[in-house]
């Protein structure tokens, strides 16, 4: 399950990064900032939920 979440998060991040580079014409640094600003909170929340569920199940 954890690997699936990591892959899913990575796909979302790369998708937003590519969109920023190609469609919005942002620089690399701006594209990274854009990706984190759009999916960063979701990445942290899924990581936190995954970690808490693993701690509770052990």
C-alpha atoms as a PDB file:
ATOM      1  CA  UNK A   1       0.000   0.000   0.000  1.00  0.00           C
ATOM      2  CA  UNK A   2       2.793   2.395   0.875  1.00  0.00           C
ATOM      3  CA  UNK A   3       4.480   1.906  -2.485  1.00  0.00           C
ATOM      4  CA  UNK A   4       1.182   2.677  -4.212  1.00  0.00           C
ATOM      5  CA  UNK A   5       0.832   5.935  -2.291  1.00  0.00           C
ATOM      6  CA  UNK A   6       4.413   6.928  -3.101  1.00  0.00           C
ATOM      7  CA  UNK A   7       3.894   6.213  -6.795  1.00  0.00           C
ATOM      8  CA  UNK A   8       0.592   8.088  -6.824  1.00  0.00           C
ATOM      9  CA  UNK A   9       2.103  11.112  -5.086  1.00  0.00           C
ATOM     10  CA  UNK A  10       5.053  11.090  -7.483  1.00  0.00           C
ATOM     11  CA  UNK A  11       2.774  10.973 -10.518  1.00  0.00           C
ATOM     12  CA  UNK A  12       0.747  13.911  -9.210  1.00  0.00           C
ATOM     13  CA  UNK A  13       3.864  15.960  -8.470  1.00  0.00           C
ATOM     14  CA  UNK A  14       5.473  15.280 -11.857  1.00  0.00           C
ATOM     15  CA  UNK A  15       2.199  16.003 -13.631  1.00  0.00           C
ATOM     16  CA  UNK A  16       1.903  19.424 -11.982  1.00  0.00           C
ATOM     17  CA  UNK A  17       5.600  20.114 -12.610  1.00  0.00           C
ATOM     18  CA  UNK A  18       5.274  19.285 -16.327  1.00  0.00           C
ATOM     19  CA  UNK A  19       2.137  21.415 -16.625  1.00  0.00           C
ATOM     20  CA  UNK A  20       3.990  24.355 -15.095  1.00  0.00           C
ATOM     21  CA  UNK A  21       6.958  23.924 -17.445  1.00  0.00           C
ATOM     22  CA  UNK A  22       5.071  23.222 -20.684  1.00  0.00           C
ATOM     23  CA  UNK A  23       1.737  25.017 -20.409  1.00  0.00           C
ATOM     24  CA  UNK A  24       2.685  27.908 -18.156  1.00  0.00           C
ATOM     25  CA  UNK A  25       6.275  28.356 -19.371  1.00  0.00           C
ATOM     26  CA  UNK A  26       7.698  28.619 -15.861  1.00  0.00           C
ATOM     27  CA  UNK A  27      11.364  28.183 -14.994  1.00  0.00           C
ATOM     28  CA  UNK A  28      12.481  25.022 -13.221  1.00  0.00           C
ATOM     29  CA  UNK A  29      12.459  26.693  -9.807  1.00  0.00           C
ATOM     30  CA  UNK A  30       9.038  28.250 -10.417  1.00  0.00           C
ATOM     31  CA  UNK A  31       7.694  24.919 -11.682  1.00  0.00           C
ATOM     32  CA  UNK A  32       8.837  23.137  -8.514  1.00  0.00           C
ATOM     33  CA  UNK A  33       7.242  25.840  -6.387  1.00  0.00           C
ATOM     34  CA  UNK A  34       4.031  25.563  -8.420  1.00  0.00           C
ATOM     35  CA  UNK A  35       3.953  21.772  -8.025  1.00  0.00           C
ATOM     36  CA  UNK A  36       4.481  21.970  -4.274  1.00  0.00           C
ATOM     37  CA  UNK A  37       1.911  24.732  -3.898  1.00  0.00           C
ATOM     38  CA  UNK A  38      -0.756  22.713  -5.730  1.00  0.00           C
ATOM     39  CA  UNK A  39      -0.118  19.187  -4.418  1.00  0.00           C
ATOM     40  CA  UNK A  40       2.236  19.720  -1.480  1.00  0.00           C
ATOM     41  CA  UNK A  41      -0.453  19.690   1.212  1.00  0.00           C
ATOM     42  CA  UNK A  42      -1.988  16.533  -0.219  1.00  0.00           C
ATOM     43  CA  UNK A  43       1.430  14.826  -0.226  1.00  0.00           C
ATOM     44  CA  UNK A  44       1.925  15.658   3.450  1.00  0.00           C
ATOM     45  CA  UNK A  45      -1.578  14.558   4.429  1.00  0.00           C
ATOM     46  CA  UNK A  46      -1.351  11.185   2.661  1.00  0.00           C
ATOM     47  CA  UNK A  47       2.067  10.590   4.215  1.00  0.00           C
ATOM     48  CA  UNK A  48       0.781  11.490   7.668  1.00  0.00           C
ATOM     49  CA  UNK A  49      -2.327   9.302   7.357  1.00  0.00           C
ATOM     50  CA  UNK A  50      -0.241   6.400   6.081  1.00  0.00           C
ATOM     51  CA  UNK A  51       2.235   6.745   8.947  1.00  0.00           C
ATOM     52  CA  UNK A  52      -0.459   7.009  11.619  1.00  0.00           C
ATOM     53  CA  UNK A  53      -2.333   3.993  10.239  1.00  0.00           C
ATOM     54  CA  UNK A  54       0.863   1.939  10.263  1.00  0.00           C
ATOM     55  CA  UNK A  55       1.586   2.929  13.856  1.00  0.00           C
ATOM     56  CA  UNK A  56      -1.952   2.079  14.961  1.00  0.00           C
ATOM     57  CA  UNK A  57      -1.980  -1.298  13.224  1.00  0.00           C
ATOM     58  CA  UNK A  58       1.254  -2.547  14.800  1.00  0.00           C
END
